[in-house]
Amino acid sequence: MGNVVVTIETMSTEEKSSFPSNVSFWTNLWDNYTNEFQEVVIQCWKEEEHAISELSSRAASTTNEGLIKIFSINLNEENRVFLRNYSIDPKGGLKWFTMFFNINGDERLEVSHYGSEIILYKADEEKAKQFISIFSSSITTHYYDENAD
């Protein structure tokens, strides 16, 4: 078992820095890799007022930590549909800076830097290959075997 890290080629604009140039993976990732999770923790920068307003009404809890606002969101059907269909930012990348998917406090999937880095934890090599296949060719991947010396 190990962790697979996918890094997607990024770009920047005046309105937003360092986001993935391609988010075509999003619905496939959501449909195939988030079903086992009951909750997602989403982090946004405090100045991202539109993203914060979209998440505030959906959050079971919110926390302020310095420059970041953290939302814990139960993944009921309504929130799943919203996050699947409305996470793409028209300015580029995803609307949310970081998303953490855990099972009993054990991190299993992380989507960070507006979707430009995705980490699948506790994956064997076969599952890692399947995971990598949902992304376009402009990516860098690394598989880290937890048992390797």
C-alpha atoms as a PDB file:
ATOM      1  CA  MET A   1       0.000   0.000   0.000  1.00  0.00           C
ATOM      2  CA  GLY A   2       1.151   3.498  -0.737  1.00  0.00           C
ATOM      3  CA  ASN A   3       0.162   6.965  -1.789  1.00  0.00           C
ATOM      4  CA  VAL A   4      -0.201   8.281  -5.328  1.00  0.00           C
ATOM      5  CA  VAL A   5       0.386  11.977  -5.956  1.00  0.00           C
ATOM      6  CA  VAL A   6      -0.907  13.539  -9.166  1.00  0.00           C
ATOM      7  CA  THR A   7       0.310  17.017 -10.049  1.00  0.00           C
ATOM      8  CA  ILE A   8      -1.456  18.785 -12.884  1.00  0.00           C
ATOM      9  CA  GLU A   9       0.159  21.457 -15.025  1.00  0.00           C
ATOM     10  CA  THR A  10      -0.808  24.861 -13.640  1.00  0.00           C
ATOM     11  CA  MET A  11      -1.387  28.336 -14.930  1.00  0.00           C
ATOM     12  CA  SER A  12      -2.107  31.755 -13.375  1.00  0.00           C
ATOM     13  CA  THR A  13      -4.191  34.805 -14.160  1.00  0.00           C
ATOM     14  CA  GLU A  14      -4.423  38.239 -12.617  1.00  0.00           C
ATOM     15  CA  GLU A  15      -7.477  37.084 -10.653  1.00  0.00           C
ATOM     16  CA  LYS A  16      -6.114  33.746  -9.438  1.00  0.00           C
ATOM     17  CA  SER A  17      -2.688  32.189  -9.095  1.00  0.00           C
ATOM     18  CA  SER A  18      -1.547  28.620  -9.590  1.00  0.00           C
ATOM     19  CA  PHE A  19      -4.548  26.572 -10.613  1.00  0.00           C
ATOM     20  CA  PRO A  20      -4.760  23.502 -12.882  1.00  0.00           C
ATOM     21  CA  SER A  21      -4.973  24.215 -16.588  1.00  0.00           C
ATOM     22  CA  ASN A  22      -7.371  21.281 -17.009  1.00  0.00           C
ATOM     23  CA  VAL A  23     -10.100  20.104 -14.596  1.00  0.00           C
ATOM     24  CA  SER A  24     -11.743  17.587 -16.922  1.00  0.00           C
ATOM     25  CA  PHE A  25     -10.965  14.915 -14.298  1.00  0.00           C
ATOM     26  CA  TRP A  26     -13.349  16.416 -11.710  1.00  0.00           C
ATOM     27  CA  THR A  27     -16.620  14.530 -12.338  1.00  0.00           C
ATOM     28  CA  ASN A  28     -14.781  11.235 -12.848  1.00  0.00           C
ATOM     29  CA  LEU A  29     -12.834  11.766  -9.617  1.00  0.00           C
ATOM     30  CA  TRP A  30     -16.003  12.709  -7.755  1.00  0.00           C
ATOM     31  CA  ASP A  31     -18.105   9.838  -9.132  1.00  0.00           C
ATOM     32  CA  ASN A  32     -15.494   7.124  -8.607  1.00  0.00           C
ATOM     33  CA  TYR A  33     -13.431   8.152  -5.583  1.00  0.00           C
ATOM     34  CA  THR A  34     -15.664   9.995  -3.076  1.00  0.00           C
ATOM     35  CA  ASN A  35     -18.595   7.600  -2.533  1.00  0.00           C
ATOM     36  CA  GLU A  36     -17.161   6.017   0.618  1.00  0.00           C
ATOM     37  CA  PHE A  37     -16.828   9.343   2.453  1.00  0.00           C
ATOM     38  CA  GLN A  38     -19.453  10.797   4.779  1.00  0.00           C
ATOM     39  CA  GLU A  39     -17.800  14.208   5.168  1.00  0.00           C
ATOM     40  CA  VAL A  40     -15.372  16.553   3.440  1.00  0.00           C
ATOM     41  CA  VAL A  41     -13.263  19.267   5.061  1.00  0.00           C
ATOM     42  CA  ILE A  42     -12.774  22.243   2.745  1.00  0.00           C
ATOM     43  CA  GLN A  43     -10.343  25.097   3.249  1.00  0.00           C
ATOM     44  CA  CYS A  44     -10.705  28.502   1.605  1.00  0.00           C
ATOM     45  CA  TRP A  45      -8.668  31.668   1.924  1.00  0.00           C
ATOM     46  CA  LYS A  46     -10.604  34.287   3.900  1.00  0.00           C
ATOM     47  CA  GLU A  47     -10.589  36.734   0.974  1.00  0.00           C
ATOM     48  CA  GLU A  48     -12.453  34.199  -1.199  1.00  0.00           C
ATOM     49  CA  GLU A  49     -15.808  35.634  -0.177  1.00  0.00           C
ATOM     50  CA  HIS A  50     -17.866  34.031  -2.950  1.00  0.00           C
ATOM     51  CA  ALA A  51     -16.552  30.535  -2.170  1.00  0.00           C
ATOM     52  CA  ILE A  52     -17.141  31.102   1.547  1.00  0.00           C
ATOM     53  CA  SER A  53     -20.715  32.237   0.995  1.00  0.00           C
ATOM     54  CA  GLU A  54     -21.436  29.152  -1.133  1.00  0.00           C
ATOM     55  CA  LEU A  55     -20.148  26.790   1.553  1.00  0.00           C
ATOM     56  CA  SER A  56     -21.425  28.536   4.690  1.00  0.00           C
ATOM     57  CA  SER A  57     -25.005  27.323   4.416  1.00  0.00           C
ATOM     58  CA  ARG A  58     -23.866  23.748   3.693  1.00  0.00           C
ATOM     59  CA  ALA A  59     -21.354  23.430   6.527  1.00  0.00           C
ATOM     60  CA  ALA A  60     -22.016  21.386   9.654  1.00  0.00           C
ATOM     61  CA  SER A  61     -19.262  23.453  11.286  1.00  0.00           C
ATOM     62  CA  THR A  62     -16.823  26.228  10.416  1.00  0.00           C
ATOM     63  CA  THR A  63     -13.519  27.240  11.942  1.00  0.00           C
ATOM     64  CA  ASN A  64     -11.314  30.270  11.424  1.00  0.00           C
ATOM     65  CA  GLU A  65      -7.586  29.545  11.438  1.00  0.00           C
ATOM     66  CA  GLY A  66      -5.573  32.628  10.599  1.00  0.00           C
ATOM     67  CA  LEU A  67      -6.002  33.395   6.916  1.00  0.00           C
ATOM     68  CA  ILE A  68      -8.016  30.236   6.253  1.00  0.00           C
ATOM     69  CA  LYS A  69     -11.675  29.378   6.819  1.00  0.00           C
ATOM     70  CA  ILE A  70     -12.367  25.673   7.311  1.00  0.00           C
ATOM     71  CA  PHE A  71     -15.716  24.020   6.564  1.00  0.00           C
ATOM     72  CA  SER A  72     -16.807  20.529   7.591  1.00  0.00           C
ATOM     73  CA  ILE A  73     -19.555  19.449   5.224  1.00  0.00           C
ATOM     74  CA  ASN A  74     -21.681  16.320   5.550  1.00  0.00           C
ATOM     75  CA  LEU A  75     -21.871  14.519   2.240  1.00  0.00           C
ATOM     76  CA  ASN A  76     -25.611  14.043   2.014  1.00  0.00           C
ATOM     77  CA  GLU A  77     -27.134  13.738  -1.454  1.00  0.00           C
ATOM     78  CA  GLU A  78     -27.756  17.480  -1.856  1.00  0.00           C
ATOM     79  CA  ASN A  79     -24.177  18.420  -0.912  1.00  0.00           C
ATOM     80  CA  ARG A  80     -22.732  15.672  -3.110  1.00  0.00           C
ATOM     81  CA  VAL A  81     -24.635  16.995  -6.129  1.00  0.00           C
ATOM     82  CA  PHE A  82     -23.567  20.564  -5.365  1.00  0.00           C
ATOM     83  CA  LEU A  83     -19.871  19.715  -4.941  1.00  0.00           C
ATOM     84  CA  ARG A  84     -19.847  17.487  -8.027  1.00  0.00           C
ATOM     85  CA  ASN A  85     -21.588  19.981 -10.292  1.00  0.00           C
ATOM     86  CA  TYR A  86     -20.591  23.409  -8.952  1.00  0.00           C
ATOM     87  CA  SER A  87     -16.951  23.152  -7.824  1.00  0.00           C
ATOM     88  CA  ILE A  88     -15.396  24.353 -11.084  1.00  0.00           C
ATOM     89  CA  ASP A  89     -14.383  28.008 -10.864  1.00  0.00           C
ATOM     90  CA  PRO A  90     -15.024  30.030 -14.067  1.00  0.00           C
ATOM     91  CA  LYS A  91     -11.723  31.820 -13.282  1.00  0.00           C
ATOM     92  CA  GLY A  92      -9.915  28.464 -13.454  1.00  0.00           C
ATOM     93  CA  GLY A  93      -9.394  25.366 -11.346  1.00  0.00           C
ATOM     94  CA  LEU A  94     -11.685  24.508  -8.486  1.00  0.00           C
ATOM     95  CA  LYS A  95     -13.350  27.076  -6.224  1.00  0.00           C
ATOM     96  CA  TRP A  96     -11.932  25.493  -3.071  1.00  0.00           C
ATOM     97  CA  PHE A  97      -8.238  25.722  -2.105  1.00  0.00           C
ATOM     98  CA  THR A  98      -8.084  22.316  -0.383  1.00  0.00           C
ATOM     99  CA  MET A  99     -10.455  19.403   0.196  1.00  0.00           C
ATOM    100  CA  PHE A 100      -9.753  16.572   2.636  1.00  0.00           C
ATOM    101  CA  PHE A 101     -11.675  13.298   2.623  1.00  0.00           C
ATOM    102  CA  ASN A 102     -11.200  11.153   5.744  1.00  0.00           C
ATOM    103  CA  ILE A 103     -12.524   7.934   7.199  1.00  0.00           C
ATOM    104  CA  ASN A 104     -12.544   7.993  11.003  1.00  0.00           C
ATOM    105  CA  GLY A 105      -9.851  10.681  11.028  1.00  0.00           C
ATOM    106  CA  ASP A 106      -7.668   8.749   8.574  1.00  0.00           C
ATOM    107  CA  GLU A 107      -6.938  10.836   5.468  1.00  0.00           C
ATOM    108  CA  ARG A 108      -7.736   8.971   2.238  1.00  0.00           C
ATOM    109  CA  LEU A 109      -8.027  11.620  -0.486  1.00  0.00           C
ATOM    110  CA  GLU A 110      -6.739  15.179  -0.729  1.00  0.00           C
ATOM    111  CA  VAL A 111      -7.473  17.681  -3.489  1.00  0.00           C
ATOM    112  CA  SER A 112      -5.310  20.758  -3.023  1.00  0.00           C
ATOM    113  CA  HIS A 113      -4.126  23.955  -4.671  1.00  0.00           C
ATOM    114  CA  TYR A 114      -7.482  24.437  -6.435  1.00  0.00           C
ATOM    115  CA  GLY A 115      -7.248  20.938  -7.891  1.00  0.00           C
ATOM    116  CA  SER A 116      -3.682  21.012  -9.178  1.00  0.00           C
ATOM    117  CA  GLU A 117      -2.467  18.367  -6.714  1.00  0.00           C
ATOM    118  CA  ILE A 118      -4.460  15.270  -5.836  1.00  0.00           C
ATOM    119  CA  ILE A 119      -3.273  12.596  -3.417  1.00  0.00           C
ATOM    120  CA  LEU A 120      -4.905   9.200  -3.042  1.00  0.00           C
ATOM    121  CA  TYR A 121      -3.728   7.560   0.181  1.00  0.00           C
ATOM    122  CA  LYS A 122      -3.566   3.845   0.966  1.00  0.00           C
ATOM    123  CA  ALA A 123      -3.682   2.636  -2.635  1.00  0.00           C
ATOM    124  CA  ASP A 124      -2.020  -0.462  -3.987  1.00  0.00           C
ATOM    125  CA  GLU A 125      -0.188  -0.193  -7.306  1.00  0.00           C
ATOM    126  CA  GLU A 126      -3.187  -1.421  -9.333  1.00  0.00           C
ATOM    127  CA  LYS A 127      -5.560   1.084  -7.737  1.00  0.00           C
ATOM    128  CA  ALA A 128      -2.930   3.798  -8.270  1.00  0.00           C
ATOM    129  CA  LYS A 129      -2.773   3.003 -12.002  1.00  0.00           C
ATOM    130  CA  GLN A 130      -6.567   3.172 -12.290  1.00  0.00           C
ATOM    131  CA  PHE A 131      -6.575   6.471 -10.398  1.00  0.00           C
ATOM    132  CA  ILE A 132      -3.904   8.010 -12.636  1.00  0.00           C
ATOM    133  CA  SER A 133      -5.858   6.995 -15.749  1.00  0.00           C
ATOM    134  CA  ILE A 134      -8.652   9.538 -15.071  1.00  0.00           C
ATOM    135  CA  PHE A 135      -6.296  12.473 -15.622  1.00  0.00           C
ATOM    136  CA  SER A 136      -5.131  14.065 -18.877  1.00  0.00           C
ATOM    137  CA  SER A 137      -1.609  13.623 -20.174  1.00  0.00           C
ATOM    138  CA  SER A 138      -0.269  16.939 -18.789  1.00  0.00           C
ATOM    139  CA  ILE A 139       0.396  15.511 -15.328  1.00  0.00           C
ATOM    140  CA  THR A 140       3.261  14.309 -13.189  1.00  0.00           C
ATOM    141  CA  THR A 141       2.676  11.291 -10.967  1.00  0.00           C
ATOM    142  CA  HIS A 142       4.534   9.637  -8.134  1.00  0.00           C
ATOM    143  CA  TYR A 143       3.682   6.468  -6.242  1.00  0.00           C
ATOM    144  CA  TYR A 144       5.159   6.185  -2.769  1.00  0.00           C
ATOM    145  CA  ASP A 145       5.103   2.665  -1.358  1.00  0.00           C
ATOM    146  CA  GLU A 146       4.677   2.913   2.421  1.00  0.00           C
ATOM    147  CA  ASN A 147       6.541  -0.372   2.860  1.00  0.00           C
ATOM    148  CA  ALA A 148       9.568   0.456   0.692  1.00  0.00           C
ATOM    149  CA  ASP A 149      12.911   0.968   2.370  1.00  0.00           C
END
